[in-house]
Protein backbone atom coordinates (compact mmCIF):
# COMPACT_ATOMS: atom_id res chain seq x y z
CA UNK A 1 116.46 263.74 251.75
CA UNK A 2 116.74 262.97 248.12
CA UNK A 3 119.91 263.10 246.14
CA UNK A 4 119.74 264.81 242.78
CA UNK A 5 122.17 263.59 240.19
CA UNK A 6 122.75 265.13 236.82
CA UNK A 7 123.35 262.50 234.17
CA UNK A 8 123.18 264.87 231.23
CA UNK A 9 126.31 264.94 229.12
CA UNK A 10 127.51 267.71 226.86
CA UNK A 11 126.54 265.73 223.79
CA UNK A 12 123.00 265.28 225.06
CA UNK A 13 122.35 269.01 225.39
CA UNK A 14 123.76 269.71 221.93
CA UNK A 15 126.27 272.38 222.92
CA UNK A 16 128.35 273.91 220.12
CA UNK A 17 131.68 272.20 219.64
CA UNK A 18 133.65 275.27 218.43
CA UNK A 19 135.73 273.19 215.99
CA UNK A 20 135.38 275.79 213.21
CA UNK A 21 136.70 278.44 215.59
CA UNK A 22 139.64 276.19 216.34
CA UNK A 23 140.32 275.66 212.63
CA UNK A 24 140.34 279.40 211.97
CA UNK A 25 142.71 279.96 214.89
CA UNK A 26 145.04 277.18 213.73
CA UNK A 27 145.20 278.77 210.26
CA UNK A 28 145.91 282.14 211.88
CA UNK A 29 148.64 280.59 214.06
CA UNK A 30 150.32 279.04 211.01
CA UNK A 31 150.11 282.38 209.17
CA UNK A 32 151.73 284.24 212.08
CA UNK A 33 154.48 281.61 212.29
CA UNK A 34 155.22 281.80 208.56
CA UNK A 35 155.27 285.58 208.82
CA UNK A 36 157.80 285.32 211.66
CA UNK A 37 159.94 282.96 209.57
CA UNK A 38 159.79 285.37 206.63
CA UNK A 39 160.61 288.28 208.91
CA UNK A 40 163.76 286.53 210.14
CA UNK A 41 164.86 285.85 206.57
CA UNK A 42 164.25 289.45 205.54
CA UNK A 43 166.13 290.75 208.57
CA UNK A 44 169.14 288.53 207.92
CA UNK A 45 169.50 288.56 204.13
CA UNK A 46 167.01 291.06 202.80
CA UNK A 47 165.08 288.30 201.01
CA UNK A 48 162.54 285.63 201.82
CA UNK A 49 164.04 282.34 203.02
CA UNK A 50 164.11 279.55 200.47
CA UNK A 51 162.56 277.01 202.85
CA UNK A 52 159.58 279.15 203.77
CA UNK A 53 157.06 277.16 201.75
CA UNK A 54 158.21 273.84 203.21
CA UNK A 55 158.21 275.29 206.72
CA UNK A 56 154.68 276.60 206.32
CA UNK A 57 153.43 273.40 204.71
CA UNK A 58 154.96 271.24 207.44
CA UNK A 59 153.50 273.33 210.23
CA UNK A 60 150.11 273.49 208.50
CA UNK A 61 150.13 269.72 208.01
CA UNK A 62 150.88 269.11 211.69
CA UNK A 63 148.22 271.57 212.82
CA UNK A 64 145.71 270.22 210.32
CA UNK A 65 146.19 266.60 211.34
CA UNK A 66 145.89 267.48 215.01
CA UNK A 67 142.76 269.53 214.29
CA UNK A 68 141.09 266.72 212.34
CA UNK A 69 141.78 264.24 215.12
CA UNK A 70 140.40 266.63 217.74
CA UNK A 71 137.36 267.29 215.55
CA UNK A 72 136.68 263.55 215.33
CA UNK A 73 137.60 262.26 218.79
CA UNK A 74 137.37 265.24 221.18
CA UNK A 75 134.54 267.39 219.89
CA UNK A 76 134.13 269.44 223.03
CA UNK A 77 137.79 270.11 223.77
CA UNK A 78 138.89 273.67 224.44
CA UNK A 79 139.21 275.43 221.05
CA UNK A 80 142.18 277.55 222.17
CA UNK A 81 144.68 274.92 223.27
CA UNK A 82 145.61 273.48 219.87
CA UNK A 83 145.98 276.88 218.14
CA UNK A 84 148.12 278.16 221.01
CA UNK A 85 150.32 275.07 220.85
CA UNK A 86 150.63 275.49 217.08
CA UNK A 87 151.57 279.16 217.45
CA UNK A 88 154.18 278.49 220.13
CA UNK A 89 155.61 275.63 218.10
CA UNK A 90 155.81 277.77 214.95
CA UNK A 91 157.43 280.71 216.70
CA UNK A 92 159.88 278.34 218.36
CA UNK A 93 160.81 276.87 214.99
CA UNK A 94 161.40 280.37 213.59
CA UNK A 95 163.58 281.21 216.59
CA UNK A 96 165.61 278.01 216.25
CA UNK A 97 166.07 278.67 212.53
CA UNK A 98 167.31 282.18 213.37
CA UNK A 99 169.82 280.74 215.83
CA UNK A 100 170.94 278.25 213.18
CA UNK A 101 171.95 281.20 210.98
CA UNK A 102 174.44 282.55 213.53
CA UNK A 103 177.90 283.00 212.05
CA UNK A 104 179.52 281.81 215.28
CA UNK A 105 177.60 278.55 215.10
CA UNK A 106 178.17 278.09 211.38
CA UNK A 107 181.92 278.44 211.93
CA UNK A 108 181.98 275.70 214.56
CA UNK A 109 183.11 272.37 213.04
CA UNK A 110 180.59 270.20 214.88
CA UNK A 111 177.56 272.42 214.21
CA UNK A 112 174.42 270.81 212.82
CA UNK A 113 171.24 272.81 212.12
CA UNK A 114 168.50 272.08 214.63
CA UNK A 115 165.34 273.56 213.08
CA UNK A 116 164.62 270.56 210.86
CA UNK A 117 165.19 268.22 213.79
CA UNK A 118 162.76 270.25 215.87
CA UNK A 119 160.10 269.89 213.17
CA UNK A 120 160.59 266.12 213.36
CA UNK A 121 160.18 266.26 217.15
CA UNK A 122 157.01 268.27 216.62
CA UNK A 123 155.70 265.57 214.29
CA UNK A 124 156.48 262.95 216.93
CA UNK A 125 154.58 265.04 219.47
CA UNK A 126 151.54 265.24 217.21
CA UNK A 127 151.74 261.48 216.64
CA UNK A 128 151.74 260.89 220.40
CA UNK A 129 148.84 263.33 220.76
CA UNK A 130 146.87 261.39 218.14
CA UNK A 131 147.71 258.12 219.87
CA UNK A 132 146.46 259.37 223.23
CA UNK A 133 143.22 260.62 221.71
CA UNK A 134 142.67 257.31 219.94
CA UNK A 135 143.40 255.21 223.03
CA UNK A 136 141.66 257.37 225.61
CA UNK A 137 137.97 257.03 224.85
CA UNK A 138 136.73 258.80 227.98
CA UNK A 139 138.88 261.28 229.86
CA UNK A 140 136.94 260.75 233.10
CA UNK A 141 138.29 257.23 233.61
């Protein structure tokens, strides 16, 4: 009996990496999240929120940095995971911002808005993600 082993790796067979698909989906996820943020502002005050540009830029920066690191260090990663994480993060930020606008919370003396803190935690998460990708050269170890 002979044992057949397959030593071919994904890189050797030149499979498509799907990074451009991931980039398009990340852009779409950021657009949906900014739309949700704008929708909350329009529902509450009848006008677009003043921090919408900063919110969109921050989320786009986080998604863009994560995408570039995945493009460089994990070419054959699943192209849906990062856009889904970006979308969930963006919708969560819009939800937290909506909760921050509650009159009951604003009236409480010890209230502090949480949406900006959550964006900082998201940045810390992306930094940890980048660190893991930089340190982990081969996921099969």
